[in-house]
N, C-alpha and C. Protein backbone atom coordinates (compact mmCIF):
# COMPACT_ATOMS: atom_id res chain seq x y z
N UNK A 1 0.64 -1.20 -0.01
CA UNK A 1 0.02 -0.01 0.11
C UNK A 1 0.96 1.36 -0.05
N UNK A 2 0.61 2.18 -0.80
CA UNK A 2 1.51 3.37 -0.97
C UNK A 2 0.98 4.48 0.13
N UNK A 3 1.72 5.32 0.51
CA UNK A 3 1.60 6.36 1.47
C UNK A 3 0.05 7.16 0.96
N UNK A 4 0.03 7.53 -0.33
CA UNK A 4 -1.27 8.16 -0.62
C UNK A 4 -2.43 7.13 -0.50
N UNK A 5 -2.38 6.05 -0.81
CA UNK A 5 -3.52 4.97 -0.40
C UNK A 5 -3.80 5.01 1.28
N UNK A 6 -2.87 5.07 1.84
CA UNK A 6 -2.95 5.05 3.41
C UNK A 6 -3.50 6.43 3.94
N UNK A 7 -3.19 7.36 3.27
CA UNK A 7 -3.56 8.75 3.39
C UNK A 7 -5.00 9.06 3.32
N UNK A 8 -5.50 8.68 2.08
CA UNK A 8 -6.67 9.20 1.62
C UNK A 8 -8.00 8.88 2.21
N UNK A 9 -8.06 7.54 3.04
CA UNK A 9 -9.27 7.45 3.88
C UNK A 9 -9.16 8.23 5.12
N UNK A 10 -8.17 8.75 5.47
CA UNK A 10 -8.34 9.82 6.72
C UNK A 10 -8.51 11.27 6.39
N UNK A 11 -8.96 11.83 5.12
CA UNK A 11 -9.18 13.05 4.84
C UNK A 11 -10.73 13.09 4.98
N UNK A 12 -11.14 14.08 5.57
CA UNK A 12 -12.66 14.38 5.92
C UNK A 12 -13.19 15.57 5.08
N UNK A 13 -12.41 16.46 4.85
CA UNK A 13 -12.81 18.00 4.42
C UNK A 13 -11.50 18.87 3.79
N UNK A 14 -12.03 19.63 3.07
CA UNK A 14 -10.66 20.42 2.32
C UNK A 14 -11.17 22.00 2.42
N UNK A 15 -10.62 22.66 2.57
CA UNK A 15 -10.82 24.25 2.90
C UNK A 15 -10.04 25.09 2.33
N UNK A 16 -9.95 25.98 1.01
CA UNK A 16 -9.18 26.91 0.53
C UNK A 16 -9.30 28.13 0.69
N UNK A 17 -8.62 28.74 0.68
CA UNK A 17 -8.69 30.43 0.79
C UNK A 17 -9.16 31.02 -0.67
N UNK A 18 -9.79 32.21 -0.74
CA UNK A 18 -9.99 32.77 -1.92
C UNK A 18 -8.91 33.23 -3.02
N UNK A 19 -7.75 33.52 -2.53
CA UNK A 19 -6.72 33.64 -3.20
C UNK A 19 -5.72 32.61 -3.81
N UNK A 20 -6.01 31.41 -3.15
CA UNK A 20 -5.23 30.19 -3.73
C UNK A 20 -4.06 30.01 -3.03
N UNK A 21 -3.89 30.56 -1.88
CA UNK A 21 -2.49 30.59 -1.04
C UNK A 21 -2.42 29.74 -0.06
N UNK A 22 -3.58 29.41 0.67
CA UNK A 22 -3.79 28.72 1.79
C UNK A 22 -4.65 27.41 1.66
N UNK A 23 -4.38 26.41 2.32
CA UNK A 23 -5.45 25.16 2.63
C UNK A 23 -5.28 24.50 3.33
N UNK A 24 -6.40 24.02 4.14
CA UNK A 24 -6.49 23.11 5.05
C UNK A 24 -7.14 21.64 4.85
N UNK A 25 -6.43 20.81 5.08
CA UNK A 25 -6.98 19.51 4.82
C UNK A 25 -7.45 18.75 6.35
N UNK A 26 -8.61 19.00 6.30
CA UNK A 26 -9.02 18.08 7.73
C UNK A 26 -9.19 16.61 7.64
N UNK A 27 -8.19 16.19 8.75
CA UNK A 27 -8.19 14.73 8.65
C UNK A 27 -9.05 14.11 10.03
N UNK A 28 -9.25 12.82 10.34
CA UNK A 28 -9.57 12.33 11.48
C UNK A 28 -9.26 13.14 12.71
N UNK A 29 -8.23 13.25 12.62
CA UNK A 29 -7.14 13.44 14.08
C UNK A 29 -6.86 14.82 14.20
N UNK A 30 -6.95 15.77 13.36
CA UNK A 30 -6.63 17.10 13.29
C UNK A 30 -6.81 17.74 11.82
N UNK A 31 -5.77 18.36 11.45
CA UNK A 31 -5.72 19.34 10.02
C UNK A 31 -4.25 19.35 9.58
N UNK A 32 -4.15 19.30 8.24
CA UNK A 32 -2.64 19.54 7.65
C UNK A 32 -3.03 21.10 7.04
N UNK A 33 -2.06 22.10 7.54
CA UNK A 33 -2.41 23.28 7.16
C UNK A 33 -1.13 23.55 5.72
N UNK A 34 -1.39 23.94 4.72
CA UNK A 34 -0.48 23.98 3.53
C UNK A 34 -0.61 25.74 3.28
N UNK A 35 0.65 26.32 3.01
CA UNK A 35 0.47 27.48 2.50
C UNK A 35 1.70 27.64 1.44
N UNK A 36 1.52 28.57 0.29
CA UNK A 36 2.26 28.65 -0.92
C UNK A 36 1.90 30.12 -1.63
N UNK A 37 3.10 30.88 -1.36
CA UNK A 37 2.84 32.03 -1.83
C UNK A 37 4.27 32.80 -2.28
N UNK A 38 4.40 33.75 -2.75
CA UNK A 38 5.74 34.38 -2.99
C UNK A 38 6.81 34.64 -1.82
N UNK A 39 6.43 34.39 -0.32
CA UNK A 39 7.18 34.67 0.46
C UNK A 39 7.28 33.18 1.22
N UNK A 40 6.56 32.11 1.26
CA UNK A 40 6.90 31.11 2.18
C UNK A 40 5.94 29.87 1.21
N UNK A 41 6.38 28.86 1.64
CA UNK A 41 5.90 27.67 1.11
C UNK A 41 6.08 26.48 2.11
N UNK A 42 5.21 26.03 2.78
CA UNK A 42 5.52 25.08 3.87
C UNK A 42 3.99 24.32 4.23
N UNK A 43 4.36 23.37 5.00
CA UNK A 43 3.28 22.32 5.47
C UNK A 43 3.36 21.77 6.52
N UNK A 44 2.32 22.22 7.81
CA UNK A 44 2.49 21.90 8.89
C UNK A 44 1.36 21.26 9.78
N UNK A 45 1.44 20.40 10.59
CA UNK A 45 0.17 19.68 11.18
C UNK A 45 0.37 18.32 10.97
N UNK A 46 -0.77 17.88 11.32
CA UNK A 46 -0.98 16.21 11.41
C UNK A 46 -0.69 15.77 9.66
N UNK A 47 0.32 14.99 9.55
CA UNK A 47 0.38 14.38 8.30
C UNK A 47 1.96 15.01 7.69
N UNK A 48 2.23 16.27 8.08
CA UNK A 48 2.98 17.12 7.46
C UNK A 48 4.46 16.29 7.14
N UNK A 49 4.79 15.17 8.07
CA UNK A 49 6.19 14.73 7.84
C UNK A 49 6.08 13.60 6.47
N UNK A 50 4.80 13.13 6.35
CA UNK A 50 4.55 12.33 5.17
C UNK A 50 4.67 13.06 3.66
N UNK A 51 4.29 14.40 4.01
CA UNK A 51 4.07 15.19 2.63
C UNK A 51 5.64 15.25 2.00
N UNK A 52 5.76 15.14 0.79
CA UNK A 52 7.29 15.56 0.44
C UNK A 52 7.02 16.86 -0.35
N UNK A 53 6.12 17.08 -1.32
CA UNK A 53 5.52 18.32 -1.85
C UNK A 53 4.14 18.40 -1.90
N UNK A 54 3.80 19.64 -2.47
CA UNK A 54 2.44 19.87 -2.81
C UNK A 54 2.07 20.84 -3.60
N UNK A 55 1.32 21.06 -4.28
CA UNK A 55 0.75 22.01 -5.10
C UNK A 55 -0.53 22.43 -4.86
N UNK A 56 -0.76 23.74 -4.55
CA UNK A 56 -2.24 24.33 -4.56
C UNK A 56 -2.68 24.88 -6.12
N UNK A 57 -3.75 24.10 -5.98
CA UNK A 57 -4.61 24.53 -7.34
C UNK A 57 -5.85 25.40 -7.35
N UNK A 58 -6.32 26.06 -8.28
CA UNK A 58 -7.66 26.99 -7.97
C UNK A 58 -8.65 26.27 -7.44
N UNK A 59 -8.63 24.93 -7.84
CA UNK A 59 -9.85 24.05 -7.35
C UNK A 59 -9.68 22.93 -6.35
N UNK A 60 -8.23 22.74 -5.81
CA UNK A 60 -7.97 22.02 -4.99
C UNK A 60 -6.68 21.81 -4.74
N UNK A 61 -6.21 20.62 -4.11
CA UNK A 61 -4.52 20.29 -3.49
C UNK A 61 -3.91 19.18 -4.37
N UNK A 62 -2.85 18.96 -4.78
CA UNK A 62 -2.18 17.96 -4.91
C UNK A 62 -0.92 17.69 -4.08
N UNK A 63 -1.09 16.51 -3.19
CA UNK A 63 0.04 16.20 -2.33
C UNK A 63 0.72 15.18 -3.00
N UNK A 64 2.10 14.91 -2.63
CA UNK A 64 3.16 14.14 -3.26
C UNK A 64 3.93 13.69 -1.98
N UNK A 65 3.83 12.24 -2.04
CA UNK A 65 4.51 11.54 -0.79
C UNK A 65 5.91 11.23 -0.95
N UNK A 66 6.38 10.98 -0.02
CA UNK A 66 7.80 10.43 0.14
C UNK A 66 8.23 9.15 -1.00
N UNK A 67 7.32 8.42 -0.99
CA UNK A 67 7.41 6.97 -1.87
C UNK A 67 6.90 7.41 -3.15
N UNK A 68 7.02 8.46 -3.76
CA UNK A 68 6.77 8.96 -5.10
C UNK A 68 5.15 8.67 -5.39
N UNK A 69 4.04 8.55 -4.38
CA UNK A 69 2.56 8.44 -4.72
C UNK A 69 2.22 9.84 -4.72
N UNK A 70 1.02 10.16 -5.37
CA UNK A 70 0.47 11.38 -5.05
C UNK A 70 -1.02 11.18 -5.15
N UNK A 71 -1.67 12.17 -4.49
CA UNK A 71 -3.04 12.39 -4.26
C UNK A 71 -3.71 13.75 -4.75
N UNK A 72 -4.66 13.82 -5.44
CA UNK A 72 -5.31 14.91 -5.60
C UNK A 72 -6.89 15.14 -5.04
N UNK A 73 -7.00 16.19 -4.20
CA UNK A 73 -8.21 16.40 -3.74
C UNK A 73 -8.76 17.91 -4.02
N UNK A 74 -10.05 17.72 -4.51
CA UNK A 74 -10.66 18.60 -5.04
C UNK A 74 -12.18 19.01 -4.83
N UNK A 75 -13.02 19.94 -5.22
CA UNK A 75 -14.22 20.05 -4.99
C UNK A 75 -15.02 20.15 -5.99
N UNK A 76 -15.98 19.38 -6.13
CA UNK A 76 -16.78 19.39 -7.30
C UNK A 76 -18.28 19.26 -6.70
N UNK A 77 -18.97 20.16 -7.06
CA UNK A 77 -20.46 20.13 -6.89
C UNK A 77 -20.54 20.34 -5.36
N UNK A 78 -19.69 21.02 -4.72
CA UNK A 78 -19.75 21.03 -3.35
C UNK A 78 -19.53 19.64 -2.60
N UNK A 79 -18.67 18.68 -3.33
CA UNK A 79 -18.50 17.54 -2.41
C UNK A 79 -16.86 17.18 -2.67
N UNK A 80 -16.32 16.71 -1.75
CA UNK A 80 -14.93 16.45 -1.68
C UNK A 80 -14.61 15.39 -2.76
N UNK A 81 -13.43 15.39 -3.63
CA UNK A 81 -13.34 14.24 -4.45
C UNK A 81 -11.77 13.86 -4.12
N UNK A 82 -11.35 12.70 -3.73
CA UNK A 82 -10.06 12.21 -3.43
C UNK A 82 -9.76 11.21 -4.50
N UNK A 83 -8.59 11.44 -5.15
CA UNK A 83 -8.16 10.94 -6.36
C UNK A 83 -6.74 10.34 -6.13
N UNK A 84 -6.36 8.97 -6.53
CA UNK A 84 -4.92 8.87 -6.61
C UNK A 84 -4.42 9.04 -7.81
N UNK A 85 -3.17 9.64 -8.08
CA UNK A 85 -2.39 10.01 -9.26
C UNK A 85 -1.46 8.81 -9.76
C-alpha cells in the first residue's frame, strides 16, 4: 500500500482561501495546513512529515508523498473528491 492510499481514507474535508495561497486538509485526528505564496511555502500539522511536496491549485490540492505516490483533493459540486494519481 502506498502512502497516498493510506492517507486518503483519513481525509474528511478541504478548505481553500479565495487567493489560492492557503489550504487546510481536515483529517480524523486534526488538520494539515498548507501555505504557498511568493514569500513562504510550507506544510505543518498532522501528516506534514509524510508529505514531500504539494501544489495548491484553483480547485484543490495535489499532495506528493516520499514514496513517489500522489493524491489529488478537489471540490466538485460541493463535494470532496479524493483521487490517486
